[in-house]
Amino acid sequence: MYRFLLTPRWWGINLFVVLAIPFCVFMGTWQLGRFEDRVQSHEQAEKQPDPSTRAAKPLDELLPVDKVTSGRPAVATGAYAEQFLVPGRKLDDRQGFYVLNMLRTDSGKALPVVRGWLPGSATGARVPAAPEGEVTVTGDLQASENSRSDGVNARGGLPGGQVGMISAATLVNLVPYDVYDAWVTLPEAEAGGTGGAMKPVPAAAPEGSGLDLKAFQNLGYTGEWFVFAGFVLFMWFRLVRREAEALRDIELGLVPEDPAAAPEGPEDPAPEDPASPGYDVASTPVR
């Protein structure tokens, strides 16, 4: 009864099933692994002490920024140069902007320093002046932002003196010197009064270190791939059962093997010949 599985048409169906099910299982397992990695990273991060409580180290010793060095206090010495405002940044559920200054170091590169946050619109805002002369700053180290970072404005079109993303790739086009691929945020308001009006910006957790929406998306994709595998197997069994039932009905004679060979219905009787004996003219309908 199941010899039809060896026909060319069913060879194609069987090949598709044999390839589709392992692929779905592999993708589901891979997504599950991504979710487990995020859970493990989150658990490890909770066991580690707060990065901001560790001893400060020179900036160059903490680069490049990764999950271990992100949030660590970094020390850099230099002089403040260009200043930019970063609009569209929230703090304590209030809309405002960051005050960002470039700290030119002895190495020739500049370190972006977020000196603080101010409420309101960045356009036409009065910003406290940066300290003059050589300064030594200690701030929490952060990786350059990207288009997926919270609060980033990647569309451009901002007024002069404003940037939508704190990134070396963006800032290097606005200043005539190299920029570190990192930035720091000052954990406390600047001493001296002019910076006292700004609120410090807390350091953000590194990407991929917590149970964020992406982690649960991986878990959801895991379920979807396993459901796809089960659906392919279910449809294959359903098609096999339907084909087997159709062949069984043909063998039992319940369904003709060739629909074209089905017996035709009774034909309409041919009209009687008027010349034939017994032809009744009165019974002939008038047309």
Protein backbone atom coordinates (compact mmCIF):
# COMPACT_ATOMS: atom_id res chain seq x y z
CA MET A 1 0.00 0.00 0.00
CA TYR A 2 2.86 2.37 0.71
CA ARG A 3 4.76 1.74 -2.49
CA PHE A 4 3.72 5.21 -3.63
CA LEU A 5 6.40 6.60 -1.30
CA LEU A 6 8.97 5.44 -3.88
CA THR A 7 7.44 7.37 -6.76
CA PRO A 8 9.32 10.42 -8.12
CA ARG A 9 6.76 12.85 -6.72
CA TRP A 10 7.07 11.43 -3.24
CA TRP A 11 10.86 11.33 -3.49
CA GLY A 12 10.75 15.12 -3.70
CA ILE A 13 8.38 15.39 -0.73
CA ASN A 14 10.47 12.99 1.36
CA LEU A 15 13.69 14.83 0.53
CA PHE A 16 12.14 18.12 1.61
CA VAL A 17 11.01 16.61 4.93
CA VAL A 18 14.39 14.97 5.58
CA LEU A 19 16.16 18.31 5.07
CA ALA A 20 13.61 20.62 6.68
CA ILE A 21 13.25 18.86 10.05
CA PRO A 22 17.00 18.78 10.92
CA PHE A 23 17.34 22.39 9.77
CA CYS A 24 14.48 23.53 12.03
CA VAL A 25 15.87 21.57 14.96
CA PHE A 26 19.35 23.04 14.38
CA MET A 27 18.02 26.62 14.24
CA GLY A 28 15.90 26.07 17.34
CA THR A 29 18.88 24.65 19.23
CA TRP A 30 21.05 27.57 18.12
CA GLN A 31 18.48 30.13 19.30
CA LEU A 32 18.18 28.26 22.61
CA GLY A 33 21.96 28.43 22.98
CA ARG A 34 21.88 32.19 22.42
CA PHE A 35 19.27 32.54 25.15
CA GLU A 36 21.27 30.38 27.56
CA ASP A 37 24.41 32.44 26.85
CA ARG A 38 22.55 35.63 27.73
CA VAL A 39 21.22 34.08 30.94
CA GLN A 40 24.72 32.93 31.87
CA SER A 41 26.18 36.36 31.14
CA HIS A 42 23.48 37.95 33.27
CA GLU A 43 24.19 35.60 36.18
CA GLN A 44 27.92 36.23 35.93
CA ALA A 45 27.37 39.97 35.84
CA GLU A 46 25.26 39.79 39.01
CA LYS A 47 28.00 37.86 40.81
CA GLN A 48 30.65 40.40 39.84
CA PRO A 49 31.10 43.52 41.97
CA ASP A 50 29.80 46.81 40.62
CA PRO A 51 32.37 47.98 38.03
CA SER A 52 32.16 51.55 39.35
CA THR A 53 33.39 50.38 42.78
CA ARG A 54 36.66 49.04 41.39
CA ALA A 55 39.88 50.98 41.49
CA ALA A 56 40.35 53.50 38.71
CA LYS A 57 42.92 52.69 36.03
CA PRO A 58 44.48 54.70 33.22
CA LEU A 59 42.31 54.82 30.12
CA ASP A 60 44.75 52.99 27.84
CA GLU A 61 44.83 49.97 30.19
CA LEU A 62 41.07 49.46 29.87
CA LEU A 63 40.81 49.63 26.11
CA PRO A 64 39.23 48.19 24.06
CA VAL A 65 35.93 48.33 25.89
CA ASP A 66 34.30 44.95 26.49
CA LYS A 67 31.87 43.40 28.98
CA VAL A 68 34.60 43.28 31.63
CA THR A 69 35.92 46.82 31.32
CA SER A 70 32.59 48.54 30.58
CA GLY A 71 31.63 50.67 33.55
CA ARG A 72 35.13 50.59 35.07
CA PRO A 73 36.47 53.95 36.28
CA ALA A 74 39.02 55.28 33.79
CA VAL A 75 41.47 58.11 34.40
CA ALA A 76 42.56 60.53 31.67
CA THR A 77 44.40 63.82 31.73
CA GLY A 78 44.13 66.60 29.16
CA ALA A 79 42.39 69.83 28.28
CA TYR A 80 38.78 70.30 27.26
CA ALA A 81 38.22 71.36 23.65
CA GLU A 82 35.10 71.25 21.47
CA GLN A 83 31.72 70.94 23.13
CA PHE A 84 28.65 69.20 21.73
CA LEU A 85 25.12 68.66 22.95
CA VAL A 86 23.42 65.27 22.63
CA PRO A 87 19.64 65.83 22.47
CA GLY A 88 16.83 63.36 23.13
CA ARG A 89 18.28 61.75 26.26
CA LYS A 90 16.07 60.84 29.21
CA LEU A 91 17.05 60.85 32.86
CA ASP A 92 14.62 60.15 35.70
CA ASP A 93 11.77 60.00 33.13
CA ARG A 94 12.50 63.55 32.04
CA GLN A 95 13.53 64.64 28.56
CA GLY A 96 16.82 66.47 28.21
CA PHE A 97 20.27 66.34 26.69
CA TYR A 98 23.87 65.41 27.48
CA VAL A 99 26.70 67.90 27.63
CA LEU A 100 29.64 66.32 25.83
CA ASN A 101 33.16 67.71 25.75
CA MET A 102 36.22 66.43 23.94
CA LEU A 103 39.19 65.96 26.28
CA ARG A 104 42.41 66.26 24.29
CA THR A 105 45.07 64.07 25.88
CA ASP A 106 48.86 64.06 25.52
CA SER A 107 48.58 61.14 23.10
CA GLY A 108 46.98 63.41 20.52
CA LYS A 109 43.64 61.64 20.71
CA ALA A 110 40.55 63.06 22.32
CA LEU A 111 38.28 61.29 24.79
CA PRO A 112 34.55 62.15 24.68
CA VAL A 113 33.47 63.08 28.21
CA VAL A 114 29.80 63.39 29.19
CA ARG A 115 29.99 66.04 31.88
CA GLY A 116 26.33 65.79 32.79
CA TRP A 117 22.68 66.05 31.82
CA LEU A 118 20.35 69.03 31.61
CA PRO A 119 16.56 69.06 31.18
CA GLY A 120 14.73 70.64 28.29
CA SER A 121 15.66 71.25 24.68
CA ALA A 122 19.25 71.41 23.51
CA THR A 123 18.46 74.12 20.96
CA GLY A 124 19.41 77.49 22.40
CA ALA A 125 20.22 76.02 25.82
CA ARG A 126 22.67 77.74 28.19
CA VAL A 127 25.32 75.21 29.17
CA PRO A 128 27.83 75.48 32.02
CA ALA A 129 31.31 76.14 30.71
CA ALA A 130 33.92 73.40 30.94
CA PRO A 131 36.90 73.84 33.28
CA GLU A 132 39.88 75.50 31.64
CA GLY A 133 43.46 74.32 31.58
CA GLU A 134 44.74 70.82 32.24
CA VAL A 135 42.34 68.59 34.13
CA THR A 136 42.30 64.98 35.25
CA VAL A 137 38.96 63.28 34.91
CA THR A 138 37.79 59.97 36.33
CA GLY A 139 34.71 58.63 34.62
CA ASP A 140 32.90 55.37 34.05
CA LEU A 141 34.05 53.85 30.77
CA GLN A 142 31.48 53.22 28.05
CA ALA A 143 31.65 51.69 24.57
CA SER A 144 30.84 53.80 21.54
CA GLU A 145 27.14 53.96 20.81
CA ASN A 146 25.54 52.52 17.70
CA SER A 147 22.20 52.79 15.94
CA ARG A 148 20.67 50.25 18.37
CA SER A 149 21.64 52.14 21.53
CA ASP A 150 18.91 53.77 23.59
CA GLY A 151 18.26 57.43 22.79
CA VAL A 152 20.42 57.52 19.67
CA ASN A 153 19.31 59.74 16.81
CA ALA A 154 20.81 58.16 13.69
CA ARG A 155 18.72 60.16 11.23
CA GLY A 156 20.93 63.23 11.34
CA GLY A 157 19.74 66.71 10.42
CA LEU A 158 20.59 68.14 13.84
CA PRO A 159 21.57 71.79 14.32
CA GLY A 160 25.22 72.74 14.50
CA GLY A 161 26.91 71.81 17.75
CA GLN A 162 24.65 68.81 18.31
CA VAL A 163 25.28 65.09 17.74
CA GLY A 164 22.84 62.22 17.87
CA MET A 165 25.32 59.48 18.72
CA ILE A 166 28.38 59.32 20.99
CA SER A 167 30.63 57.41 18.65
CA ALA A 168 34.17 57.83 17.41
CA ALA A 169 32.94 57.24 13.86
CA THR A 170 30.63 60.25 14.19
CA LEU A 171 32.83 62.60 16.19
CA VAL A 172 35.96 62.09 14.09
CA ASN A 173 34.17 63.89 11.25
CA LEU A 174 33.51 66.92 13.44
CA VAL A 175 36.94 67.51 14.99
CA PRO A 176 40.42 67.81 13.42
CA TYR A 177 42.01 65.05 15.54
CA ASP A 178 41.63 61.37 16.34
CA VAL A 179 39.02 60.20 18.83
CA TYR A 180 39.12 57.25 21.22
CA ASP A 181 36.65 54.49 20.42
CA ALA A 182 35.09 54.93 23.86
CA TRP A 183 33.70 57.61 26.12
CA VAL A 184 33.32 58.26 29.84
CA THR A 185 30.56 59.70 31.97
CA LEU A 186 31.42 61.63 35.12
CA PRO A 187 29.85 59.91 38.16
CA GLU A 188 29.58 63.17 40.11
CA ALA A 189 28.78 66.75 39.25
CA GLU A 190 31.82 68.88 38.57
CA ALA A 191 33.13 70.84 41.49
CA GLY A 192 33.38 74.58 41.18
CA GLY A 193 29.79 75.69 40.70
CA THR A 194 29.53 75.91 36.89
CA GLY A 195 28.97 72.18 36.53
CA GLY A 196 26.91 71.84 39.65
CA ALA A 197 23.65 72.44 37.78
CA MET A 198 24.13 69.32 35.68
CA LYS A 199 23.13 65.86 36.84
CA PRO A 200 25.60 63.01 36.41
CA VAL A 201 24.67 60.40 33.80
CA PRO A 202 24.81 56.84 35.19
CA ALA A 203 26.79 54.29 33.25
CA ALA A 204 24.78 51.84 31.18
CA ALA A 205 25.25 48.08 31.32
CA PRO A 206 27.14 46.61 28.36
CA GLU A 207 25.07 45.21 25.50
CA GLY A 208 24.24 41.53 25.75
CA SER A 209 24.92 41.30 29.49
CA GLY A 210 21.34 41.26 30.74
CA LEU A 211 17.99 39.60 30.20
CA ASP A 212 16.72 42.23 27.80
CA LEU A 213 14.09 41.95 25.09
CA LYS A 214 16.58 40.30 22.72
CA ALA A 215 17.08 37.43 25.15
CA PHE A 216 13.36 36.65 25.22
CA GLN A 217 13.22 37.05 21.45
CA ASN A 218 15.77 34.25 21.21
CA LEU A 219 13.54 32.12 23.44
CA GLY A 220 10.53 32.88 21.26
CA TYR A 221 12.43 32.00 18.08
CA THR A 222 13.42 28.71 19.71
CA GLY A 223 9.79 27.75 20.13
CA GLU A 224 8.94 28.84 16.59
CA TRP A 225 11.61 26.66 14.99
CA PHE A 226 10.55 23.59 16.99
CA VAL A 227 6.92 24.24 16.04
CA PHE A 228 7.96 24.43 12.37
CA ALA A 229 9.68 21.05 12.68
CA GLY A 230 6.57 19.50 14.22
CA PHE A 231 4.34 21.08 11.56
CA VAL A 232 6.46 19.65 8.72
CA LEU A 233 6.27 16.17 10.27
CA PHE A 234 2.53 16.48 10.85
CA MET A 235 1.85 17.53 7.26
CA TRP A 236 3.97 14.65 5.94
CA PHE A 237 1.96 12.09 7.94
CA ARG A 238 -1.27 13.71 6.83
CA LEU A 239 -0.32 13.54 3.15
CA VAL A 240 0.79 9.90 3.49
CA ARG A 241 -2.47 8.96 5.20
CA ARG A 242 -4.56 10.70 2.57
CA GLU A 243 -2.67 9.01 -0.27
CA ALA A 244 -2.96 5.58 1.38
CA GLU A 245 -6.71 6.01 1.97
CA ALA A 246 -7.23 7.02 -1.66
CA LEU A 247 -5.40 3.92 -2.92
CA ARG A 248 -7.38 1.69 -0.54
CA ASP A 249 -10.69 3.09 -1.81
CA ILE A 250 -9.59 2.40 -5.37
CA GLU A 251 -8.70 -1.21 -4.48
CA LEU A 252 -12.10 -1.72 -2.84
CA GLY A 253 -13.83 -0.28 -5.87
CA LEU A 254 -15.32 2.60 -3.92
CA VAL A 255 -13.68 5.09 -6.24
CA PRO A 256 -12.94 4.39 -9.92
CA GLU A 257 -9.25 4.24 -10.63
CA ASP A 258 -9.73 6.41 -13.73
CA PRO A 259 -12.40 9.11 -13.30
CA ALA A 260 -12.75 9.26 -17.11
CA ALA A 261 -13.88 5.64 -17.08
CA ALA A 262 -16.84 6.32 -14.80
CA PRO A 263 -20.22 5.07 -16.22
CA GLU A 264 -22.20 7.75 -17.91
CA GLY A 265 -25.79 8.60 -17.02
CA PRO A 266 -28.79 7.53 -19.18
CA GLU A 267 -28.94 9.32 -22.48
CA ASP A 268 -31.99 11.28 -23.57
CA PRO A 269 -34.24 9.16 -25.84
CA ALA A 270 -33.99 9.97 -29.52
CA PRO A 271 -36.97 11.72 -31.02
CA GLU A 272 -39.49 9.40 -32.68
CA ASP A 273 -39.75 9.28 -36.39
CA PRO A 274 -43.14 10.61 -37.60
CA ALA A 275 -43.12 7.99 -40.31
CA SER A 276 -42.86 5.16 -37.84
CA PRO A 277 -45.98 3.14 -36.97
CA GLY A 278 -47.80 4.21 -33.84
CA TYR A 279 -46.59 7.76 -33.92
CA ASP A 280 -49.08 9.85 -32.00
CA VAL A 281 -49.34 13.35 -33.44
CA ALA A 282 -51.51 14.61 -30.57
CA SER A 283 -48.86 13.73 -28.01
CA THR A 284 -46.19 15.66 -29.82
CA PRO A 285 -45.46 18.93 -28.00
CA VAL A 286 -45.96 22.11 -29.96
CA ARG A 287 -42.72 24.08 -30.33
